[in-house]
Each structure stands twice: as C-alpha cells, then as structure tokens.
Amino acid sequence: MSTTNPEPQWLTISQASRYLNLSVGFLRKLVRAREIPFARVGSKALRFRRIDLDQWMTANSVGSEDHAEATR
C-alpha cells in the first residue's frame, strides 16, 4: 500500500502562483524583493514550501494585526 501525498510540500513557481492565485510575474517580483519565503535549487530554480506560503498569506492578509491583537 502506497502512502503518497497528493499535495507536494515543495512547489515550483508555477504551482505556487496557482496556489496563491498570483501571476508568476508578481511572484517573481516578491522573490526579488525578498518579501516571500523561497528556496533556490541550483542557480535559478525556485521552490516554495506550502506551509511557508500559508503563513505568509496569514501574516499579510488584511486585518491580520487586528486578529493577532484580539487573540492575545
């Protein structure tokens, strides 16, 4: 019996852009500005960890500071 995970932990830039519903170009802009967590494979290939993207979205969503204040 195989226990493969249908959702990979590491995403390519195309997969990450679909996951975040952002264009590849805008995602590359965020990478250049180092505003989003990423890893480099070799000199050019970018990879994004799904859990890091989820945390980034939560931290950068409107009202996230209000929610953090309310839960303290």
PDB file of N, CA and C in Angstrom:
ATOM      1  N   MET A   1       0.846  -1.185   0.000  1.00  0.00           N
ATOM      2  CA  MET A   1       0.000   0.000   0.000  1.00  0.00           C
ATOM      3  C   MET A   1       0.884   1.238   0.000  1.00  0.00           C
ATOM      4  N   SER A   2       0.657   2.135  -0.917  1.00  0.00           N
ATOM      5  CA  SER A   2       1.444   3.348  -1.047  1.00  0.00           C
ATOM      6  C   SER A   2       0.810   4.475  -0.245  1.00  0.00           C
ATOM      7  N   THR A   3       1.659   5.254   0.428  1.00  0.00           N
ATOM      8  CA  THR A   3       1.163   6.389   1.211  1.00  0.00           C
ATOM      9  C   THR A   3       1.702   7.692   0.635  1.00  0.00           C
ATOM     10  N   THR A   4       1.516   7.872  -0.668  1.00  0.00           N
ATOM     11  CA  THR A   4       1.998   9.090  -1.303  1.00  0.00           C
ATOM     12  C   THR A   4       1.088  10.263  -0.964  1.00  0.00           C
ATOM     13  N   ASN A   5       1.688  11.413  -0.806  1.00  0.00           N
ATOM     14  CA  ASN A   5       0.953  12.636  -0.511  1.00  0.00           C
ATOM     15  C   ASN A   5       0.577  13.299  -1.834  1.00  0.00           C
ATOM     16  N   PRO A   6      -0.710  13.484  -2.114  1.00  0.00           N
ATOM     17  CA  PRO A   6      -1.100  14.083  -3.395  1.00  0.00           C
ATOM     18  C   PRO A   6      -0.686  15.549  -3.519  1.00  0.00           C
ATOM     19  N   GLU A   7      -0.439  16.225  -2.406  1.00  0.00           N
ATOM     20  CA  GLU A   7      -0.023  17.620  -2.435  1.00  0.00           C
ATOM     21  C   GLU A   7       1.444  17.700  -2.030  1.00  0.00           C
ATOM     22  N   PRO A   8       2.318  18.068  -2.962  1.00  0.00           N
ATOM     23  CA  PRO A   8       3.742  18.127  -2.622  1.00  0.00           C
ATOM     24  C   PRO A   8       4.030  19.237  -1.610  1.00  0.00           C
ATOM     25  N   GLN A   9       5.027  19.003  -0.759  1.00  0.00           N
ATOM     26  CA  GLN A   9       5.419  20.003   0.228  1.00  0.00           C
ATOM     27  C   GLN A   9       6.084  21.194  -0.448  1.00  0.00           C
ATOM     28  N   TRP A  10       6.929  20.939  -1.450  1.00  0.00           N
ATOM     29  CA  TRP A  10       7.645  21.992  -2.164  1.00  0.00           C
ATOM     30  C   TRP A  10       6.990  22.224  -3.514  1.00  0.00           C
ATOM     31  N   LEU A  11       6.753  23.490  -3.848  1.00  0.00           N
ATOM     32  CA  LEU A  11       6.078  23.856  -5.090  1.00  0.00           C
ATOM     33  C   LEU A  11       7.024  24.606  -6.017  1.00  0.00           C
ATOM     34  N   THR A  12       6.843  24.419  -7.306  1.00  0.00           N
ATOM     35  CA  THR A  12       7.555  25.218  -8.296  1.00  0.00           C
ATOM     36  C   THR A  12       6.919  26.610  -8.325  1.00  0.00           C
ATOM     37  N   ILE A  13       7.511  27.530  -9.062  1.00  0.00           N
ATOM     38  CA  ILE A  13       6.946  28.877  -9.125  1.00  0.00           C
ATOM     39  C   ILE A  13       5.571  28.868  -9.794  1.00  0.00           C
ATOM     40  N   SER A  14       5.377  28.010 -10.781  1.00  0.00           N
ATOM     41  CA  SER A  14       4.060  27.910 -11.435  1.00  0.00           C
ATOM     42  C   SER A  14       3.019  27.353 -10.468  1.00  0.00           C
ATOM     43  N   GLN A  15       3.391  26.319  -9.727  1.00  0.00           N
ATOM     44  CA  GLN A  15       2.466  25.731  -8.763  1.00  0.00           C
ATOM     45  C   GLN A  15       2.143  26.727  -7.648  1.00  0.00           C
ATOM     46  N   ALA A  16       3.171  27.441  -7.168  1.00  0.00           N
ATOM     47  CA  ALA A  16       2.968  28.414  -6.097  1.00  0.00           C
ATOM     48  C   ALA A  16       2.079  29.563  -6.569  1.00  0.00           C
ATOM     49  N   SER A  17       2.263  29.999  -7.808  1.00  0.00           N
ATOM     50  CA  SER A  17       1.435  31.099  -8.306  1.00  0.00           C
ATOM     51  C   SER A  17      -0.033  30.671  -8.400  1.00  0.00           C
ATOM     52  N   ARG A  18      -0.270  29.441  -8.823  1.00  0.00           N
ATOM     53  CA  ARG A  18      -1.651  28.929  -8.856  1.00  0.00           C
ATOM     54  C   ARG A  18      -2.195  28.782  -7.436  1.00  0.00           C
ATOM     55  N   TYR A  19      -1.376  28.274  -6.524  1.00  0.00           N
ATOM     56  CA  TYR A  19      -1.787  28.058  -5.133  1.00  0.00           C
ATOM     57  C   TYR A  19      -2.189  29.384  -4.474  1.00  0.00           C
ATOM     58  N   LEU A  20      -1.419  30.446  -4.744  1.00  0.00           N
ATOM     59  CA  LEU A  20      -1.683  31.757  -4.149  1.00  0.00           C
ATOM     60  C   LEU A  20      -2.618  32.616  -4.989  1.00  0.00           C
ATOM     61  N   ASN A  21      -2.933  32.153  -6.193  1.00  0.00           N
ATOM     62  CA  ASN A  21      -3.756  32.908  -7.134  1.00  0.00           C
ATOM     63  C   ASN A  21      -3.090  34.245  -7.479  1.00  0.00           C
ATOM     64  N   LEU A  22      -1.784  34.172  -7.749  1.00  0.00           N
ATOM     65  CA  LEU A  22      -0.989  35.326  -8.170  1.00  0.00           C
ATOM     66  C   LEU A  22      -0.352  35.003  -9.511  1.00  0.00           C
ATOM     67  N   SER A  23      -0.005  36.015 -10.265  1.00  0.00           N
ATOM     68  CA  SER A  23       0.703  35.761 -11.516  1.00  0.00           C
ATOM     69  C   SER A  23       2.149  35.368 -11.199  1.00  0.00           C
ATOM     70  N   VAL A  24       2.754  34.632 -12.118  1.00  0.00           N
ATOM     71  CA  VAL A  24       4.149  34.240 -11.965  1.00  0.00           C
ATOM     72  C   VAL A  24       5.032  35.493 -11.900  1.00  0.00           C
ATOM     73  N   GLY A  25       4.719  36.483 -12.717  1.00  0.00           N
ATOM     74  CA  GLY A  25       5.485  37.721 -12.721  1.00  0.00           C
ATOM     75  C   GLY A  25       5.457  38.437 -11.377  1.00  0.00           C
ATOM     76  N   PHE A  26       4.280  38.506 -10.779  1.00  0.00           N
ATOM     77  CA  PHE A  26       4.173  39.167  -9.472  1.00  0.00           C
ATOM     78  C   PHE A  26       4.899  38.362  -8.402  1.00  0.00           C
ATOM     79  N   LEU A  27       4.811  37.043  -8.480  1.00  0.00           N
ATOM     80  CA  LEU A  27       5.518  36.192  -7.527  1.00  0.00           C
ATOM     81  C   LEU A  27       7.031  36.378  -7.668  1.00  0.00           C
ATOM     82  N   ARG A  28       7.518  36.489  -8.897  1.00  0.00           N
ATOM     83  CA  ARG A  28       8.950  36.762  -9.107  1.00  0.00           C
ATOM     84  C   ARG A  28       9.346  38.121  -8.510  1.00  0.00           C
ATOM     85  N   LYS A  29       8.459  39.101  -8.616  1.00  0.00           N
ATOM     86  CA  LYS A  29       8.715  40.417  -8.029  1.00  0.00           C
ATOM     87  C   LYS A  29       8.844  40.299  -6.510  1.00  0.00           C
ATOM     88  N   LEU A  30       7.976  39.518  -5.886  1.00  0.00           N
ATOM     89  CA  LEU A  30       8.056  39.305  -4.438  1.00  0.00           C
ATOM     90  C   LEU A  30       9.359  38.608  -4.055  1.00  0.00           C
ATOM     91  N   VAL A  31       9.799  37.663  -4.891  1.00  0.00           N
ATOM     92  CA  VAL A  31      11.064  36.963  -4.644  1.00  0.00           C
ATOM     93  C   VAL A  31      12.225  37.948  -4.734  1.00  0.00           C
ATOM     94  N   ARG A  32      12.253  38.766  -5.786  1.00  0.00           N
ATOM     95  CA  ARG A  32      13.343  39.742  -5.952  1.00  0.00           C
ATOM     96  C   ARG A  32      13.430  40.698  -4.763  1.00  0.00           C
ATOM     97  N   ALA A  33      12.272  41.080  -4.230  1.00  0.00           N
ATOM     98  CA  ALA A  33      12.224  41.985  -3.088  1.00  0.00           C
ATOM     99  C   ALA A  33      12.400  41.230  -1.766  1.00  0.00           C
ATOM    100  N   ARG A  34      12.515  39.917  -1.844  1.00  0.00           N
ATOM    101  CA  ARG A  34      12.641  39.049  -0.665  1.00  0.00           C
ATOM    102  C   ARG A  34      11.482  39.274   0.315  1.00  0.00           C
ATOM    103  N   GLU A  35      10.288  39.391  -0.251  1.00  0.00           N
ATOM    104  CA  GLU A  35       9.093  39.607   0.559  1.00  0.00           C
ATOM    105  C   GLU A  35       8.308  38.326   0.794  1.00  0.00           C
ATOM    106  N   ILE A  36       8.738  37.237   0.202  1.00  0.00           N
ATOM    107  CA  ILE A  36       8.055  35.960   0.345  1.00  0.00           C
ATOM    108  C   ILE A  36       9.117  34.882   0.563  1.00  0.00           C
ATOM    109  N   PRO A  37       8.850  33.905   1.424  1.00  0.00           N
ATOM    110  CA  PRO A  37       9.856  32.870   1.666  1.00  0.00           C
ATOM    111  C   PRO A  37      10.004  31.934   0.462  1.00  0.00           C
ATOM    112  N   PHE A  38      11.253  31.630   0.119  1.00  0.00           N
ATOM    113  CA  PHE A  38      11.531  30.748  -1.010  1.00  0.00           C
ATOM    114  C   PHE A  38      12.881  30.087  -0.804  1.00  0.00           C
ATOM    115  N   ALA A  39      13.143  29.074  -1.603  1.00  0.00           N
ATOM    116  CA  ALA A  39      14.449  28.412  -1.628  1.00  0.00           C
ATOM    117  C   ALA A  39      14.905  28.349  -3.072  1.00  0.00           C
ATOM    118  N   ARG A  40      16.207  28.385  -3.263  1.00  0.00           N
ATOM    119  CA  ARG A  40      16.781  28.249  -4.597  1.00  0.00           C
ATOM    120  C   ARG A  40      17.369  26.856  -4.739  1.00  0.00           C
ATOM    121  N   VAL A  41      17.070  26.243  -5.872  1.00  0.00           N
ATOM    122  CA  VAL A  41      17.660  24.954  -6.221  1.00  0.00           C
ATOM    123  C   VAL A  41      18.585  25.245  -7.396  1.00  0.00           C
ATOM    124  N   GLY A  42      19.870  25.083  -7.173  1.00  0.00           N
ATOM    125  CA  GLY A  42      20.819  25.475  -8.211  1.00  0.00           C
ATOM    126  C   GLY A  42      20.880  26.989  -8.281  1.00  0.00           C
ATOM    127  N   SER A  43      21.137  27.505  -9.459  1.00  0.00           N
ATOM    128  CA  SER A  43      21.285  28.955  -9.576  1.00  0.00           C
ATOM    129  C   SER A  43      19.993  29.670  -9.961  1.00  0.00           C
ATOM    130  N   LYS A  44      19.029  28.948 -10.511  1.00  0.00           N
ATOM    131  CA  LYS A  44      17.822  29.629 -10.997  1.00  0.00           C
ATOM    132  C   LYS A  44      16.504  29.080 -10.479  1.00  0.00           C
ATOM    133  N   ALA A  45      16.401  27.781 -10.285  1.00  0.00           N
ATOM    134  CA  ALA A  45      15.122  27.174  -9.917  1.00  0.00           C
ATOM    135  C   ALA A  45      14.675  27.627  -8.530  1.00  0.00           C
ATOM    136  N   LEU A  46      13.421  28.039  -8.432  1.00  0.00           N
ATOM    137  CA  LEU A  46      12.843  28.479  -7.166  1.00  0.00           C
ATOM    138  C   LEU A  46      11.864  27.426  -6.663  1.00  0.00           C
ATOM    139  N   ARG A  47      11.825  27.262  -5.352  1.00  0.00           N
ATOM    140  CA  ARG A  47      10.860  26.370  -4.734  1.00  0.00           C
ATOM    141  C   ARG A  47      10.241  27.089  -3.543  1.00  0.00           C
ATOM    142  N   PHE A  48       8.990  26.776  -3.294  1.00  0.00           N
ATOM    143  CA  PHE A  48       8.223  27.397  -2.227  1.00  0.00           C
ATOM    144  C   PHE A  48       7.590  26.307  -1.383  1.00  0.00           C
ATOM    145  N   ARG A  49       7.764  26.395  -0.078  1.00  0.00           N
ATOM    146  CA  ARG A  49       7.161  25.404   0.810  1.00  0.00           C
ATOM    147  C   ARG A  49       5.730  25.825   1.115  1.00  0.00           C
ATOM    148  N   ARG A  50       4.810  24.906   0.940  1.00  0.00           N
ATOM    149  CA  ARG A  50       3.381  25.188   1.105  1.00  0.00           C
ATOM    150  C   ARG A  50       3.073  25.807   2.472  1.00  0.00           C
ATOM    151  N   ILE A  51       3.664  25.266   3.528  1.00  0.00           N
ATOM    152  CA  ILE A  51       3.386  25.785   4.874  1.00  0.00           C
ATOM    153  C   ILE A  51       3.889  27.221   5.027  1.00  0.00           C
ATOM    154  N   ASP A  52       5.034  27.548   4.406  1.00  0.00           N
ATOM    155  CA  ASP A  52       5.549  28.921   4.444  1.00  0.00           C
ATOM    156  C   ASP A  52       4.621  29.877   3.703  1.00  0.00           C
ATOM    157  N   LEU A  53       4.065  29.420   2.584  1.00  0.00           N
ATOM    158  CA  LEU A  53       3.129  30.260   1.823  1.00  0.00           C
ATOM    159  C   LEU A  53       1.861  30.514   2.626  1.00  0.00           C
ATOM    160  N   ASP A  54       1.378  29.486   3.329  1.00  0.00           N
ATOM    161  CA  ASP A  54       0.192  29.662   4.170  1.00  0.00           C
ATOM    162  C   ASP A  54       0.451  30.684   5.272  1.00  0.00           C
ATOM    163  N   GLN A  55       1.616  30.577   5.911  1.00  0.00           N
ATOM    164  CA  GLN A  55       1.966  31.517   6.977  1.00  0.00           C
ATOM    165  C   GLN A  55       2.137  32.926   6.422  1.00  0.00           C
ATOM    166  N   TRP A  56       2.740  33.042   5.242  1.00  0.00           N
ATOM    167  CA  TRP A  56       2.936  34.343   4.613  1.00  0.00           C
ATOM    168  C   TRP A  56       1.585  34.986   4.304  1.00  0.00           C
ATOM    169  N   MET A  57       0.659  34.194   3.767  1.00  0.00           N
ATOM    170  CA  MET A  57      -0.672  34.722   3.450  1.00  0.00           C
ATOM    171  C   MET A  57      -1.382  35.195   4.719  1.00  0.00           C
ATOM    172  N   THR A  58      -1.274  34.431   5.783  1.00  0.00           N
ATOM    173  CA  THR A  58      -1.908  34.814   7.045  1.00  0.00           C
ATOM    174  C   THR A  58      -1.306  36.105   7.585  1.00  0.00           C
ATOM    175  N   ALA A  59       0.008  36.205   7.547  1.00  0.00           N
ATOM    176  CA  ALA A  59       0.691  37.392   8.069  1.00  0.00           C
ATOM    177  C   ALA A  59       0.426  38.626   7.217  1.00  0.00           C
ATOM    178  N   ASN A  60       0.148  38.441   5.932  1.00  0.00           N
ATOM    179  CA  ASN A  60      -0.038  39.576   5.030  1.00  0.00           C
ATOM    180  C   ASN A  60      -1.481  39.823   4.646  1.00  0.00           C
ATOM    181  N   SER A  61      -2.403  39.185   5.324  1.00  0.00           N
ATOM    182  CA  SER A  61      -3.808  39.414   4.994  1.00  0.00           C
ATOM    183  C   SER A  61      -4.329  40.614   5.777  1.00  0.00           C
ATOM    184  N   VAL A  62      -5.276  41.304   5.192  1.00  0.00           N
ATOM    185  CA  VAL A  62      -5.864  42.482   5.814  1.00  0.00           C
ATOM    186  C   VAL A  62      -6.539  42.060   7.109  1.00  0.00           C
ATOM    187  N   GLY A  63      -6.267  42.808   8.153  1.00  0.00           N
ATOM    188  CA  GLY A  63      -6.865  42.501   9.443  1.00  0.00           C
ATOM    189  C   GLY A  63      -6.076  41.488  10.251  1.00  0.00           C
ATOM    190  N   SER A  64      -4.930  41.028   9.744  1.00  0.00           N
ATOM    191  CA  SER A  64      -4.166  40.029  10.485  1.00  0.00           C
ATOM    192  C   SER A  64      -3.659  40.602  11.811  1.00  0.00           C
ATOM    193  N   GLU A  65      -3.309  41.904  11.847  1.00  0.00           N
ATOM    194  CA  GLU A  65      -2.869  42.522  13.085  1.00  0.00           C
ATOM    195  C   GLU A  65      -4.028  42.612  14.070  1.00  0.00           C
ATOM    196  N   ASP A  66      -5.216  42.950  13.564  1.00  0.00           N
ATOM    197  CA  ASP A  66      -6.389  43.020  14.431  1.00  0.00           C
ATOM    198  C   ASP A  66      -6.687  41.667  15.021  1.00  0.00           C
ATOM    199  N   HIS A  67      -6.563  40.619  14.207  1.00  0.00           N
ATOM    200  CA  HIS A  67      -6.828  39.263  14.687  1.00  0.00           C
ATOM    201  C   HIS A  67      -5.783  38.864  15.728  1.00  0.00           C
ATOM    202  N   ALA A  68      -4.525  39.203  15.488  1.00  0.00           N
ATOM    203  CA  ALA A  68      -3.456  38.873  16.435  1.00  0.00           C
ATOM    204  C   ALA A  68      -3.673  39.604  17.758  1.00  0.00           C
ATOM    205  N   GLU A  69      -4.104  40.864  17.701  1.00  0.00           N
ATOM    206  CA  GLU A  69      -4.368  41.638  18.907  1.00  0.00           C
ATOM    207  C   GLU A  69      -5.520  41.014  19.685  1.00  0.00           C
ATOM    208  N   ALA A  70      -6.556  40.583  18.981  1.00  0.00           N
ATOM    209  CA  ALA A  70      -7.744  40.039  19.637  1.00  0.00           C
ATOM    210  C   ALA A  70      -7.472  38.708  20.316  1.00  0.00           C
ATOM    211  N   THR A  71      -6.512  37.947  19.798  1.00  0.00           N
ATOM    212  CA  THR A  71      -6.239  36.627  20.363  1.00  0.00           C
ATOM    213  C   THR A  71      -5.215  36.661  21.496  1.00  0.00           C
ATOM    214  N   ARG A  72      -4.670  37.826  21.784  1.00  0.00           N
ATOM    215  CA  ARG A  72      -3.681  37.939  22.884  1.00  0.00           C
ATOM    216  C   ARG A  72      -4.340  38.065  24.199  1.00  0.00           C
TER     217      ARG A  72
END
